Amino acid sequence: MNSSPQITTWIQQLRQGNSRAAQKLWEIYFQQMVELARRKLQGAKKSAADEEDVALSAFKSFCLGARNGRFAQLEDRESLWPLLVSITANKSVDLMRYENRKKRALPIKPGEIDHEFLSEIISTEPSPEFAAQLAEELELFLARLDKTGDAELKQIALARMEGETNSEIAARLGCTRRTIERKLQLILRVCEQEGLA
């Protein structure tokens, strides 16, 4: 796995429109996004679109959003994976909702655009189902952090999700930035052990 400084550099380069940086991030994260989409789509009826299509769409949305300055909290490896998880999970839910609605709706003529689905895909607000699913997964993740015995891990993880920088968290908790970075590495290891990273 590449080091965090390299990933941080690639994120900065991606924001500037560097396609080589996008390729590097793709090589590291795409298969993980496919696996995540596969888990999210588990039990859903197979359609023309599959987990690779979901991951492709999610990665494209991530790249466009990063280039357009949409992800202010995106700084490094620790903030990148939760963002990719969120986008991929949302795209998975959108696909399942679309497939379920397609079963109930009249067929769309070839060449005709499904405006309702299109508006759902580009919507900035998460669906209630997605928000509930994300909240449930967050609770499970925080419970796993509690099991480590380090009470600060949960606080640090939540602070990073809310967009606080390592320096801001360190100042609030009265410790060094290096301590926060070390604890973020521990949080990342917990994610990897649970198959979340």
C-alpha atoms as a PDB file:
ATOM      1  CA  MET A   1       0.000   0.000   0.000  1.00  0.00           C
ATOM      2  CA  ASN A   2       1.268   3.454  -0.848  1.00  0.00           C
ATOM      3  CA  SER A   3       2.183   5.829   1.930  1.00  0.00           C
ATOM      4  CA  SER A   4      -0.140   8.583   3.074  1.00  0.00           C
ATOM      5  CA  PRO A   5       2.170  11.401   1.858  1.00  0.00           C
ATOM      6  CA  GLN A   6       1.998  10.053  -1.720  1.00  0.00           C
ATOM      7  CA  ILE A   7      -1.785   9.824  -1.586  1.00  0.00           C
ATOM      8  CA  THR A   8      -2.004  13.336  -0.124  1.00  0.00           C
ATOM      9  CA  THR A   9       0.128  14.619  -3.023  1.00  0.00           C
ATOM     10  CA  TRP A  10      -2.057  12.818  -5.575  1.00  0.00           C
ATOM     11  CA  ILE A  11      -5.206  14.322  -4.015  1.00  0.00           C
ATOM     12  CA  GLN A  12      -3.703  17.802  -4.380  1.00  0.00           C
ATOM     13  CA  GLN A  13      -2.692  17.066  -7.968  1.00  0.00           C
ATOM     14  CA  LEU A  14      -6.151  15.670  -8.770  1.00  0.00           C
ATOM     15  CA  ARG A  15      -7.708  18.910  -7.532  1.00  0.00           C
ATOM     16  CA  GLN A  16      -5.549  20.687 -10.123  1.00  0.00           C
ATOM     17  CA  GLY A  17      -6.840  18.411 -12.894  1.00  0.00           C
ATOM     18  CA  ASN A  18      -3.869  16.026 -13.082  1.00  0.00           C
ATOM     19  CA  SER A  19      -5.137  12.866 -14.796  1.00  0.00           C
ATOM     20  CA  ARG A  20      -2.002  10.902 -13.818  1.00  0.00           C
ATOM     21  CA  ALA A  21      -2.885  11.473 -10.134  1.00  0.00           C
ATOM     22  CA  ALA A  22      -6.418  10.226 -10.855  1.00  0.00           C
ATOM     23  CA  GLN A  23      -4.910   7.099 -12.449  1.00  0.00           C
ATOM     24  CA  LYS A  24      -2.716   6.455  -9.385  1.00  0.00           C
ATOM     25  CA  LEU A  25      -5.699   6.768  -7.020  1.00  0.00           C
ATOM     26  CA  TRP A  26      -7.736   4.552  -9.375  1.00  0.00           C
ATOM     27  CA  GLU A  27      -5.086   1.826  -9.200  1.00  0.00           C
ATOM     28  CA  ILE A  28      -5.174   1.841  -5.398  1.00  0.00           C
ATOM     29  CA  TYR A  29      -8.883   2.226  -4.680  1.00  0.00           C
ATOM     30  CA  PHE A  30     -10.929   0.959  -7.629  1.00  0.00           C
ATOM     31  CA  GLN A  31     -10.982  -2.746  -6.690  1.00  0.00           C
ATOM     32  CA  GLN A  32     -11.898  -1.855  -3.105  1.00  0.00           C
ATOM     33  CA  MET A  33     -14.778   0.267  -4.454  1.00  0.00           C
ATOM     34  CA  VAL A  34     -15.923  -2.653  -6.643  1.00  0.00           C
ATOM     35  CA  GLU A  35     -15.903  -4.970  -3.596  1.00  0.00           C
ATOM     36  CA  LEU A  36     -17.855  -2.415  -1.561  1.00  0.00           C
ATOM     37  CA  ALA A  37     -20.430  -2.020  -4.353  1.00  0.00           C
ATOM     38  CA  ARG A  38     -20.683  -5.825  -4.610  1.00  0.00           C
ATOM     39  CA  ARG A  39     -21.509  -6.035  -0.878  1.00  0.00           C
ATOM     40  CA  LYS A  40     -24.036  -3.192  -1.144  1.00  0.00           C
ATOM     41  CA  LEU A  41     -25.738  -4.775  -4.154  1.00  0.00           C
ATOM     42  CA  GLN A  42     -25.797  -8.238  -2.570  1.00  0.00           C
ATOM     43  CA  GLY A  43     -29.271  -9.686  -2.867  1.00  0.00           C
ATOM     44  CA  ALA A  44     -30.284  -7.207  -5.559  1.00  0.00           C
ATOM     45  CA  LYS A  45     -31.395  -8.628  -8.880  1.00  0.00           C
ATOM     46  CA  LYS A  46     -28.604  -8.579 -11.454  1.00  0.00           C
ATOM     47  CA  SER A  47     -29.184  -5.893 -14.055  1.00  0.00           C
ATOM     48  CA  ALA A  48     -27.356  -4.429 -17.011  1.00  0.00           C
ATOM     49  CA  ALA A  49     -25.393  -2.339 -14.505  1.00  0.00           C
ATOM     50  CA  ASP A  50     -23.167  -4.114 -12.002  1.00  0.00           C
ATOM     51  CA  GLU A  51     -20.731  -3.376  -9.192  1.00  0.00           C
ATOM     52  CA  GLU A  52     -18.015  -2.275 -11.622  1.00  0.00           C
ATOM     53  CA  ASP A  53     -20.393   0.230 -13.212  1.00  0.00           C
ATOM     54  CA  VAL A  54     -21.262   1.564  -9.762  1.00  0.00           C
ATOM     55  CA  ALA A  55     -17.581   1.882  -8.827  1.00  0.00           C
ATOM     56  CA  LEU A  56     -16.814   3.595 -12.156  1.00  0.00           C
ATOM     57  CA  SER A  57     -19.625   6.073 -11.643  1.00  0.00           C
ATOM     58  CA  ALA A  58     -18.551   6.705  -8.039  1.00  0.00           C
ATOM     59  CA  PHE A  59     -14.912   7.259  -9.004  1.00  0.00           C
ATOM     60  CA  LYS A  60     -15.931   9.630 -11.797  1.00  0.00           C
ATOM     61  CA  SER A  61     -18.114  11.610  -9.367  1.00  0.00           C
ATOM     62  CA  PHE A  62     -15.233  11.727  -6.900  1.00  0.00           C
ATOM     63  CA  CYS A  63     -12.776  13.031  -9.526  1.00  0.00           C
ATOM     64  CA  LEU A  64     -15.193  15.660 -10.831  1.00  0.00           C
ATOM     65  CA  GLY A  65     -16.073  16.753  -7.297  1.00  0.00           C
ATOM     66  CA  ALA A  66     -12.414  17.002  -6.287  1.00  0.00           C
ATOM     67  CA  ARG A  67     -11.577  19.054  -9.384  1.00  0.00           C
ATOM     68  CA  ASN A  68     -14.522  21.363  -8.691  1.00  0.00           C
ATOM     69  CA  GLY A  69     -13.534  21.897  -5.047  1.00  0.00           C
ATOM     70  CA  ARG A  70     -16.575  20.092  -3.590  1.00  0.00           C
ATOM     71  CA  PHE A  71     -14.781  18.123  -0.876  1.00  0.00           C
ATOM     72  CA  ALA A  72     -13.304  20.644   1.550  1.00  0.00           C
ATOM     73  CA  GLN A  73     -12.633  17.921   4.140  1.00  0.00           C
ATOM     74  CA  LEU A  74     -10.567  15.862   1.684  1.00  0.00           C
ATOM     75  CA  GLU A  75      -6.932  16.119   2.759  1.00  0.00           C
ATOM     76  CA  ASP A  76      -5.265  12.732   2.932  1.00  0.00           C
ATOM     77  CA  ARG A  77      -5.686   8.953   2.941  1.00  0.00           C
ATOM     78  CA  GLU A  78      -7.673   9.004   6.187  1.00  0.00           C
ATOM     79  CA  SER A  79     -10.302  11.332   4.710  1.00  0.00           C
ATOM     80  CA  LEU A  80     -10.252   9.824   1.188  1.00  0.00           C
ATOM     81  CA  TRP A  81     -11.531   6.309   1.896  1.00  0.00           C
ATOM     82  CA  PRO A  82     -14.609   7.369   3.940  1.00  0.00           C
ATOM     83  CA  LEU A  83     -15.507   9.754   1.108  1.00  0.00           C
ATOM     84  CA  LEU A  84     -15.151   7.003  -1.515  1.00  0.00           C
ATOM     85  CA  VAL A  85     -17.243   4.665   0.674  1.00  0.00           C
ATOM     86  CA  SER A  86     -19.979   7.287   0.938  1.00  0.00           C
ATOM     87  CA  ILE A  87     -20.092   8.001  -2.795  1.00  0.00           C
ATOM     88  CA  THR A  88     -19.989   4.285  -3.731  1.00  0.00           C
ATOM     89  CA  ALA A  89     -22.682   3.339  -1.216  1.00  0.00           C
ATOM     90  CA  ASN A  90     -24.908   6.169  -2.423  1.00  0.00           C
ATOM     91  CA  LYS A  91     -24.487   5.096  -6.052  1.00  0.00           C
ATOM     92  CA  SER A  92     -25.325   1.487  -5.055  1.00  0.00           C
ATOM     93  CA  VAL A  93     -28.526   2.587  -3.334  1.00  0.00           C
ATOM     94  CA  ASP A  94     -29.430   4.758  -6.338  1.00  0.00           C
ATOM     95  CA  LEU A  95     -29.000   1.784  -8.677  1.00  0.00           C
ATOM     96  CA  MET A  96     -31.176  -0.483  -6.491  1.00  0.00           C
ATOM     97  CA  ARG A  97     -33.895   2.182  -6.265  1.00  0.00           C
ATOM     98  CA  TYR A  98     -33.768   2.679 -10.021  1.00  0.00           C
ATOM     99  CA  GLU A  99     -34.024  -1.063 -10.690  1.00  0.00           C
ATOM    100  CA  ASN A 100     -36.955  -1.412  -8.268  1.00  0.00           C
ATOM    101  CA  ARG A 101     -38.761   1.551  -9.821  1.00  0.00           C
ATOM    102  CA  LYS A 102     -38.107   0.209 -13.324  1.00  0.00           C
ATOM    103  CA  LYS A 103     -40.035  -2.943 -12.390  1.00  0.00           C
ATOM    104  CA  ARG A 104     -43.095  -0.876 -11.407  1.00  0.00           C
ATOM    105  CA  ALA A 105     -42.929   1.852 -14.057  1.00  0.00           C
ATOM    106  CA  LEU A 106     -43.894   1.803 -17.691  1.00  0.00           C
ATOM    107  CA  PRO A 107     -40.931   1.079 -19.916  1.00  0.00           C
ATOM    108  CA  ILE A 108     -39.028   4.076 -21.225  1.00  0.00           C
ATOM    109  CA  LYS A 109     -38.760   4.295 -24.992  1.00  0.00           C
ATOM    110  CA  PRO A 110     -35.284   3.937 -26.490  1.00  0.00           C
ATOM    111  CA  GLY A 111     -33.532   7.309 -26.611  1.00  0.00           C
ATOM    112  CA  GLU A 112     -35.875   8.780 -23.981  1.00  0.00           C
ATOM    113  CA  ILE A 113     -34.297  10.161 -20.786  1.00  0.00           C
ATOM    114  CA  ASP A 114     -35.504   9.078 -17.346  1.00  0.00           C
ATOM    115  CA  HIS A 115     -35.478  12.574 -15.807  1.00  0.00           C
ATOM    116  CA  GLU A 116     -36.587  11.359 -12.375  1.00  0.00           C
ATOM    117  CA  PHE A 117     -33.661   8.950 -12.086  1.00  0.00           C
ATOM    118  CA  LEU A 118     -31.257  11.534 -13.478  1.00  0.00           C
ATOM    119  CA  SER A 119     -32.355  14.074 -10.862  1.00  0.00           C
ATOM    120  CA  GLU A 120     -31.895  11.477  -8.100  1.00  0.00           C
ATOM    121  CA  ILE A 121     -28.357  10.649  -9.260  1.00  0.00           C
ATOM    122  CA  ILE A 122     -27.211  14.270  -9.289  1.00  0.00           C
ATOM    123  CA  SER A 123     -29.066  15.227  -6.124  1.00  0.00           C
ATOM    124  CA  THR A 124     -26.815  16.514  -3.344  1.00  0.00           C
ATOM    125  CA  GLU A 125     -29.169  15.298  -0.622  1.00  0.00           C
ATOM    126  CA  PRO A 126     -28.868  11.632   0.391  1.00  0.00           C
ATOM    127  CA  SER A 127     -32.016   9.554   0.325  1.00  0.00           C
ATOM    128  CA  PRO A 128     -33.589   8.641   3.708  1.00  0.00           C
ATOM    129  CA  GLU A 129     -32.703   4.978   3.073  1.00  0.00           C
ATOM    130  CA  PHE A 130     -29.074   5.838   2.355  1.00  0.00           C
ATOM    131  CA  ALA A 131     -28.866   8.117   5.402  1.00  0.00           C
ATOM    132  CA  ALA A 132     -30.290   5.340   7.627  1.00  0.00           C
ATOM    133  CA  GLN A 133     -27.881   2.768   6.185  1.00  0.00           C
ATOM    134  CA  LEU A 134     -24.921   5.108   6.644  1.00  0.00           C
ATOM    135  CA  ALA A 135     -25.965   5.864  10.237  1.00  0.00           C
ATOM    136  CA  GLU A 136     -26.178   2.130  10.990  1.00  0.00           C
ATOM    137  CA  GLU A 137     -22.734   1.469   9.497  1.00  0.00           C
ATOM    138  CA  LEU A 138     -21.289   4.418  11.420  1.00  0.00           C
ATOM    139  CA  GLU A 139     -22.674   3.030  14.689  1.00  0.00           C
ATOM    140  CA  LEU A 140     -21.106  -0.373  13.994  1.00  0.00           C
ATOM    141  CA  PHE A 141     -17.772   1.223  13.117  1.00  0.00           C
ATOM    142  CA  LEU A 142     -17.768   3.375  16.270  1.00  0.00           C
ATOM    143  CA  ALA A 143     -18.623   0.304  18.354  1.00  0.00           C
ATOM    144  CA  ARG A 144     -15.565  -1.437  16.866  1.00  0.00           C
ATOM    145  CA  LEU A 145     -13.419   1.536  17.863  1.00  0.00           C
ATOM    146  CA  ASP A 146     -14.805   1.347  21.424  1.00  0.00           C
ATOM    147  CA  LYS A 147     -13.568  -2.247  21.638  1.00  0.00           C
ATOM    148  CA  THR A 148      -9.954  -1.080  21.211  1.00  0.00           C
ATOM    149  CA  GLY A 149      -9.989   0.382  24.717  1.00  0.00           C
ATOM    150  CA  ASP A 150      -8.776   3.801  23.510  1.00  0.00           C
ATOM    151  CA  ALA A 151     -11.608   6.223  24.282  1.00  0.00           C
ATOM    152  CA  GLU A 152     -10.123   8.979  22.107  1.00  0.00           C
ATOM    153  CA  LEU A 153     -10.307   6.970  18.869  1.00  0.00           C
ATOM    154  CA  LYS A 154     -14.052   7.497  18.585  1.00  0.00           C
ATOM    155  CA  GLN A 155     -13.700  11.247  19.190  1.00  0.00           C
ATOM    156  CA  ILE A 156     -10.912  11.529  16.630  1.00  0.00           C
ATOM    157  CA  ALA A 157     -12.804   9.535  13.986  1.00  0.00           C
ATOM    158  CA  LEU A 158     -15.924  11.680  14.413  1.00  0.00           C
ATOM    159  CA  ALA A 159     -13.906  14.900  14.329  1.00  0.00           C
ATOM    160  CA  ARG A 160     -12.212  13.863  11.065  1.00  0.00           C
ATOM    161  CA  MET A 161     -15.587  12.943   9.552  1.00  0.00           C
ATOM    162  CA  GLU A 162     -16.802  16.420  10.459  1.00  0.00           C
ATOM    163  CA  GLY A 163     -13.880  17.938   8.575  1.00  0.00           C
ATOM    164  CA  GLU A 164     -11.581  18.939  11.426  1.00  0.00           C
ATOM    165  CA  THR A 165      -7.874  18.911  10.614  1.00  0.00           C
ATOM    166  CA  ASN A 166      -5.343  16.902  12.612  1.00  0.00           C
ATOM    167  CA  SER A 167      -4.017  20.148  14.134  1.00  0.00           C
ATOM    168  CA  GLU A 168      -7.491  21.251  15.234  1.00  0.00           C
ATOM    169  CA  ILE A 169      -8.201  17.877  16.844  1.00  0.00           C
ATOM    170  CA  ALA A 170      -4.816  17.911  18.609  1.00  0.00           C
ATOM    171  CA  ALA A 171      -5.480  21.400  20.009  1.00  0.00           C
ATOM    172  CA  ARG A 172      -8.945  20.403  21.230  1.00  0.00           C
ATOM    173  CA  LEU A 173      -7.717  17.184  22.866  1.00  0.00           C
ATOM    174  CA  GLY A 174      -4.559  18.790  24.270  1.00  0.00           C
ATOM    175  CA  CYS A 175      -2.041  16.541  22.520  1.00  0.00           C
ATOM    176  CA  THR A 176       0.399  16.720  19.633  1.00  0.00           C
ATOM    177  CA  ARG A 177      -0.495  16.448  15.975  1.00  0.00           C
ATOM    178  CA  ARG A 178       1.772  13.384  15.760  1.00  0.00           C
ATOM    179  CA  THR A 179      -0.370  11.664  18.443  1.00  0.00           C
ATOM    180  CA  ILE A 180      -3.474  12.292  16.327  1.00  0.00           C
ATOM    181  CA  GLU A 181      -1.725  10.937  13.213  1.00  0.00           C
ATOM    182  CA  ARG A 182      -0.661   7.819  15.125  1.00  0.00           C
ATOM    183  CA  LYS A 183      -4.219   7.269  16.353  1.00  0.00           C
ATOM    184  CA  LEU A 184      -5.586   7.789  12.846  1.00  0.00           C
ATOM    185  CA  GLN A 185      -3.264   5.007  11.677  1.00  0.00           C
ATOM    186  CA  LEU A 186      -4.770   2.779  14.379  1.00  0.00           C
ATOM    187  CA  ILE A 187      -8.283   3.730  13.190  1.00  0.00           C
ATOM    188  CA  LEU A 188      -7.241   2.845   9.643  1.00  0.00           C
ATOM    189  CA  ARG A 189      -5.947  -0.550  10.821  1.00  0.00           C
ATOM    190  CA  VAL A 190      -9.308  -1.218  12.503  1.00  0.00           C
ATOM    191  CA  CYS A 191     -10.996  -0.350   9.178  1.00  0.00           C
ATOM    192  CA  GLU A 192      -8.697  -2.715   7.306  1.00  0.00           C
ATOM    193  CA  GLN A 193      -9.310  -5.546   9.792  1.00  0.00           C
ATOM    194  CA  GLU A 194     -13.061  -5.088   9.381  1.00  0.00           C
ATOM    195  CA  GLY A 195     -12.823  -4.954   5.585  1.00  0.00           C
ATOM    196  CA  LEU A 196     -13.768  -1.276   5.455  1.00  0.00           C
ATOM    197  CA  ALA A 197     -10.540   0.015   3.952  1.00  0.00           C
END
